[in-house]
């Protein structure tokens, strides 16, 4: 009886430890960051000015 109790206790501890280590990680969403997009040529004679973009 004592061996069964110790095996059950050990298996419960191992299961609890495993579940606590595999919990889901909650991360808050990132804020929208402003990113500068430099000017560039879009075609043979089309220049697109630099602008701020939100990502």
PDB file of N, CA and C in Angstrom:
ATOM      1  N   UNK A   1       0.822  -1.194   0.000  1.00  0.00           N
ATOM      2  CA  UNK A   1       0.000   0.000   0.000  1.00  0.00           C
ATOM      3  C   UNK A   1       0.870   1.263   0.000  1.00  0.00           C
ATOM      4  N   UNK A   2       1.948   1.214   0.760  1.00  0.00           N
ATOM      5  CA  UNK A   2       2.829   2.377   0.839  1.00  0.00           C
ATOM      6  C   UNK A   2       3.506   2.639  -0.508  1.00  0.00           C
ATOM      7  N   UNK A   3       3.855   1.567  -1.210  1.00  0.00           N
ATOM      8  CA  UNK A   3       4.501   1.721  -2.513  1.00  0.00           C
ATOM      9  C   UNK A   3       3.533   2.330  -3.533  1.00  0.00           C
ATOM     10  N   UNK A   4       2.288   1.907  -3.506  1.00  0.00           N
ATOM     11  CA  UNK A   4       1.280   2.458  -4.421  1.00  0.00           C
ATOM     12  C   UNK A   4       1.084   3.952  -4.155  1.00  0.00           C
ATOM     13  N   UNK A   5       1.034   4.327  -2.881  1.00  0.00           N
ATOM     14  CA  UNK A   5       0.850   5.734  -2.522  1.00  0.00           C
ATOM     15  C   UNK A   5       2.041   6.570  -2.985  1.00  0.00           C
ATOM     16  N   UNK A   6       3.254   6.052  -2.823  1.00  0.00           N
ATOM     17  CA  UNK A   6       4.426   6.824  -3.248  1.00  0.00           C
ATOM     18  C   UNK A   6       4.498   6.928  -4.774  1.00  0.00           C
ATOM     19  N   UNK A   7       4.095   5.867  -5.481  1.00  0.00           N
ATOM     20  CA  UNK A   7       4.079   5.913  -6.947  1.00  0.00           C
ATOM     21  C   UNK A   7       3.042   6.923  -7.425  1.00  0.00           C
ATOM     22  N   UNK A   8       1.871   6.938  -6.799  1.00  0.00           N
ATOM     23  CA  UNK A   8       0.834   7.904  -7.171  1.00  0.00           C
ATOM     24  C   UNK A   8       1.282   9.338  -6.876  1.00  0.00           C
ATOM     25  N   UNK A   9       1.935   9.533  -5.747  1.00  0.00           N
ATOM     26  CA  UNK A   9       2.419  10.864  -5.399  1.00  0.00           C
ATOM     27  C   UNK A   9       3.484  11.330  -6.388  1.00  0.00           C
ATOM     28  N   UNK A  10       4.413  10.445  -6.714  1.00  0.00           N
ATOM     29  CA  UNK A  10       5.469  10.792  -7.655  1.00  0.00           C
ATOM     30  C   UNK A  10       4.900  11.086  -9.038  1.00  0.00           C
ATOM     31  N   UNK A  11       3.959  10.269  -9.501  1.00  0.00           N
ATOM     32  CA  UNK A  11       3.377  10.506 -10.825  1.00  0.00           C
ATOM     33  C   UNK A  11       2.564  11.800 -10.847  1.00  0.00           C
ATOM     34  N   UNK A  12       1.892  12.115  -9.744  1.00  0.00           N
ATOM     35  CA  UNK A  12       1.144  13.375  -9.663  1.00  0.00           C
ATOM     36  C   UNK A  12       2.090  14.568  -9.703  1.00  0.00           C
ATOM     37  N   UNK A  13       3.210  14.469  -8.988  1.00  0.00           N
ATOM     38  CA  UNK A  13       4.190  15.553  -9.011  1.00  0.00           C
ATOM     39  C   UNK A  13       4.794  15.734 -10.402  1.00  0.00           C
ATOM     40  N   UNK A  14       5.121  14.635 -11.064  1.00  0.00           N
ATOM     41  CA  UNK A  14       5.683  14.728 -12.410  1.00  0.00           C
ATOM     42  C   UNK A  14       4.679  15.317 -13.393  1.00  0.00           C
ATOM     43  N   UNK A  15       3.429  14.903 -13.289  1.00  0.00           N
ATOM     44  CA  UNK A  15       2.392  15.427 -14.171  1.00  0.00           C
ATOM     45  C   UNK A  15       2.170  16.917 -13.914  1.00  0.00           C
ATOM     46  N   UNK A  16       2.118  17.309 -12.650  1.00  0.00           N
ATOM     47  CA  UNK A  16       1.935  18.725 -12.311  1.00  0.00           C
ATOM     48  C   UNK A  16       3.088  19.583 -12.785  1.00  0.00           C
ATOM     49  N   UNK A  17       4.310  19.086 -12.636  1.00  0.00           N
ATOM     50  CA  UNK A  17       5.485  19.826 -13.105  1.00  0.00           C
ATOM     51  C   UNK A  17       5.465  19.963 -14.622  1.00  0.00           C
ATOM     52  N   UNK A  18       5.124  18.891 -15.303  1.00  0.00           N
ATOM     53  CA  UNK A  18       5.060  18.935 -16.767  1.00  0.00           C
ATOM     54  C   UNK A  18       4.009  19.907 -17.266  1.00  0.00           C
ATOM     55  N   UNK A  19       2.851  19.921 -16.617  1.00  0.00           N
ATOM     56  CA  UNK A  19       1.796  20.844 -17.031  1.00  0.00           C
ATOM     57  C   UNK A  19       2.168  22.296 -16.747  1.00  0.00           C
ATOM     58  N   UNK A  20       2.867  22.533 -15.655  1.00  0.00           N
ATOM     59  CA  UNK A  20       3.248  23.916 -15.344  1.00  0.00           C
ATOM     60  C   UNK A  20       4.319  24.427 -16.297  1.00  0.00           C
ATOM     61  N   UNK A  21       5.168  23.538 -16.809  1.00  0.00           N
ATOM     62  CA  UNK A  21       6.213  23.964 -17.734  1.00  0.00           C
ATOM     63  C   UNK A  21       5.701  24.157 -19.155  1.00  0.00           C
ATOM     64  N   UNK A  22       4.566  23.551 -19.493  1.00  0.00           N
ATOM     65  CA  UNK A  22       4.041  23.659 -20.852  1.00  0.00           C
ATOM     66  C   UNK A  22       2.859  24.608 -20.919  1.00  0.00           C
ATOM     67  N   UNK A  23       2.749  25.526 -19.975  1.00  0.00           N
ATOM     68  CA  UNK A  23       1.648  26.485 -19.987  1.00  0.00           C
ATOM     69  C   UNK A  23       1.769  27.439 -21.155  1.00  0.00           C
ATOM     70  N   UNK A  24       0.680  28.090 -21.487  1.00  0.00           N
ATOM     71  CA  UNK A  24       0.721  28.999 -22.624  1.00  0.00           C
ATOM     72  C   UNK A  24       1.312  30.335 -22.194  1.00  0.00           C
ATOM     73  N   UNK A  25       2.034  30.939 -23.100  1.00  0.00           N
ATOM     74  CA  UNK A  25       2.708  32.199 -22.815  1.00  0.00           C
ATOM     75  C   UNK A  25       1.835  33.330 -23.345  1.00  0.00           C
ATOM     76  N   UNK A  26       1.455  34.246 -22.477  1.00  0.00           N
ATOM     77  CA  UNK A  26       0.603  35.361 -22.877  1.00  0.00           C
ATOM     78  C   UNK A  26       1.479  36.593 -23.044  1.00  0.00           C
ATOM     79  N   UNK A  27       1.473  37.134 -24.245  1.00  0.00           N
ATOM     80  CA  UNK A  27       2.281  38.311 -24.548  1.00  0.00           C
ATOM     81  C   UNK A  27       1.339  39.411 -25.027  1.00  0.00           C
ATOM     82  N   UNK A  28       1.433  40.610 -24.469  1.00  0.00           N
ATOM     83  CA  UNK A  28       0.556  41.685 -24.934  1.00  0.00           C
ATOM     84  C   UNK A  28       0.892  42.072 -26.373  1.00  0.00           C
ATOM     85  N   UNK A  29      -0.099  42.496 -27.147  1.00  0.00           N
ATOM     86  CA  UNK A  29       0.179  42.870 -28.535  1.00  0.00           C
ATOM     87  C   UNK A  29       1.067  44.105 -28.610  1.00  0.00           C
ATOM     88  N   UNK A  30       1.886  44.151 -29.645  1.00  0.00           N
ATOM     89  CA  UNK A  30       2.764  45.308 -29.825  1.00  0.00           C
ATOM     90  C   UNK A  30       1.951  46.503 -30.305  1.00  0.00           C
ATOM     91  N   UNK A  31       2.401  47.670 -29.916  1.00  0.00           N
ATOM     92  CA  UNK A  31       1.757  48.879 -30.405  1.00  0.00           C
ATOM     93  C   UNK A  31       2.153  49.089 -31.859  1.00  0.00           C
ATOM     94  N   UNK A  32       1.317  49.841 -32.577  1.00  0.00           N
ATOM     95  CA  UNK A  32       1.633  50.128 -33.968  1.00  0.00           C
ATOM     96  C   UNK A  32       2.831  51.069 -34.022  1.00  0.00           C
ATOM     97  N   UNK A  33       3.849  50.642 -34.726  1.00  0.00           N
ATOM     98  CA  UNK A  33       5.081  51.428 -34.811  1.00  0.00           C
ATOM     99  C   UNK A  33       5.091  52.221 -36.112  1.00  0.00           C
ATOM    100  N   UNK A  34       5.587  53.440 -36.034  1.00  0.00           N
ATOM    101  CA  UNK A  34       5.750  54.248 -37.242  1.00  0.00           C
ATOM    102  C   UNK A  34       7.093  53.912 -37.863  1.00  0.00           C
ATOM    103  N   UNK A  35       7.072  53.633 -39.156  1.00  0.00           N
ATOM    104  CA  UNK A  35       8.293  53.271 -39.877  1.00  0.00           C
ATOM    105  C   UNK A  35       8.429  54.210 -41.064  1.00  0.00           C
ATOM    106  N   UNK A  36       9.614  54.781 -41.236  1.00  0.00           N
ATOM    107  CA  UNK A  36       9.856  55.678 -42.363  1.00  0.00           C
ATOM    108  C   UNK A  36      10.206  54.868 -43.594  1.00  0.00           C
ATOM    109  N   UNK A  37       9.443  55.079 -44.667  1.00  0.00           N
ATOM    110  CA  UNK A  37       9.721  54.427 -45.946  1.00  0.00           C
ATOM    111  C   UNK A  37      10.404  55.471 -46.826  1.00  0.00           C
ATOM    112  N   UNK A  38      11.657  55.257 -47.210  1.00  0.00           N
ATOM    113  CA  UNK A  38      12.359  56.268 -48.009  1.00  0.00           C
ATOM    114  C   UNK A  38      11.789  56.366 -49.426  1.00  0.00           C
ATOM    115  N   UNK A  39      12.075  57.494 -50.068  1.00  0.00           N
ATOM    116  CA  UNK A  39      11.625  57.676 -51.442  1.00  0.00           C
ATOM    117  C   UNK A  39      12.289  56.677 -52.383  1.00  0.00           C
ATOM    118  N   UNK A  40      11.570  56.369 -53.468  1.00  0.00           N
ATOM    119  CA  UNK A  40      12.111  55.396 -54.421  1.00  0.00           C
ATOM    120  C   UNK A  40      11.472  55.611 -55.792  1.00  0.00           C
ATOM    121  N   UNK A  41      12.083  55.031 -56.792  1.00  0.00           N
ATOM    122  CA  UNK A  41      11.523  55.077 -58.138  1.00  0.00           C
ATOM    123  C   UNK A  41      10.517  53.944 -58.281  1.00  0.00           C
ATOM    124  N   UNK A  42       9.271  54.270 -58.684  1.00  0.00           N
ATOM    125  CA  UNK A  42       8.231  53.259 -58.848  1.00  0.00           C
ATOM    126  C   UNK A  42       8.100  52.832 -60.303  1.00  0.00           C
ATOM    127  N   UNK A  43       8.615  53.584 -61.180  1.00  0.00           N
ATOM    128  CA  UNK A  43       8.532  53.253 -62.598  1.00  0.00           C
ATOM    129  C   UNK A  43       9.629  53.994 -63.337  1.00  0.00           C
ATOM    130  N   UNK A  44       9.550  53.999 -64.639  1.00  0.00           N
ATOM    131  CA  UNK A  44      10.617  54.667 -65.380  1.00  0.00           C
ATOM    132  C   UNK A  44      10.692  56.177 -65.103  1.00  0.00           C
ATOM    133  N   UNK A  45       9.567  56.843 -64.881  1.00  0.00           N
ATOM    134  CA  UNK A  45       9.577  58.292 -64.656  1.00  0.00           C
ATOM    135  C   UNK A  45       8.704  58.677 -63.468  1.00  0.00           C
ATOM    136  N   UNK A  46       8.558  57.804 -62.477  1.00  0.00           N
ATOM    137  CA  UNK A  46       7.683  58.079 -61.337  1.00  0.00           C
ATOM    138  C   UNK A  46       8.483  57.998 -60.048  1.00  0.00           C
ATOM    139  N   UNK A  47       8.574  59.112 -59.341  1.00  0.00           N
ATOM    140  CA  UNK A  47       9.271  59.162 -58.055  1.00  0.00           C
ATOM    141  C   UNK A  47       8.236  59.173 -56.942  1.00  0.00           C
ATOM    142  N   UNK A  48       8.354  58.259 -55.997  1.00  0.00           N
ATOM    143  CA  UNK A  48       7.457  58.206 -54.843  1.00  0.00           C
ATOM    144  C   UNK A  48       8.205  58.794 -53.659  1.00  0.00           C
ATOM    145  N   UNK A  49       7.640  59.870 -53.060  1.00  0.00           N
ATOM    146  CA  UNK A  49       8.284  60.514 -51.914  1.00  0.00           C
ATOM    147  C   UNK A  49       8.282  59.593 -50.702  1.00  0.00           C
ATOM    148  N   UNK A  50       9.191  59.876 -49.781  1.00  0.00           N
ATOM    149  CA  UNK A  50       9.223  59.131 -48.528  1.00  0.00           C
ATOM    150  C   UNK A  50       7.979  59.429 -47.699  1.00  0.00           C
ATOM    151  N   UNK A  51       7.556  58.480 -46.913  1.00  0.00           N
ATOM    152  CA  UNK A  51       6.351  58.655 -46.099  1.00  0.00           C
ATOM    153  C   UNK A  51       6.421  57.753 -44.876  1.00  0.00           C
ATOM    154  N   UNK A  52       5.578  58.055 -43.900  1.00  0.00           N
ATOM    155  CA  UNK A  52       5.484  57.233 -42.694  1.00  0.00           C
ATOM    156  C   UNK A  52       4.472  56.127 -42.928  1.00  0.00           C
ATOM    157  N   UNK A  53       4.810  54.939 -42.496  1.00  0.00           N
ATOM    158  CA  UNK A  53       3.912  53.790 -42.608  1.00  0.00           C
ATOM    159  C   UNK A  53       3.754  53.193 -41.222  1.00  0.00           C
ATOM    160  N   UNK A  54       2.570  52.708 -40.912  1.00  0.00           N
ATOM    161  CA  UNK A  54       2.306  52.084 -39.613  1.00  0.00           C
ATOM    162  C   UNK A  54       2.291  50.579 -39.777  1.00  0.00           C
ATOM    163  N   UNK A  55       3.043  49.897 -38.900  1.00  0.00           N
ATOM    164  CA  UNK A  55       3.001  48.443 -38.946  1.00  0.00           C
ATOM    165  C   UNK A  55       2.670  47.869 -37.618  1.00  0.00           C
TER     166      UNK A  55
END
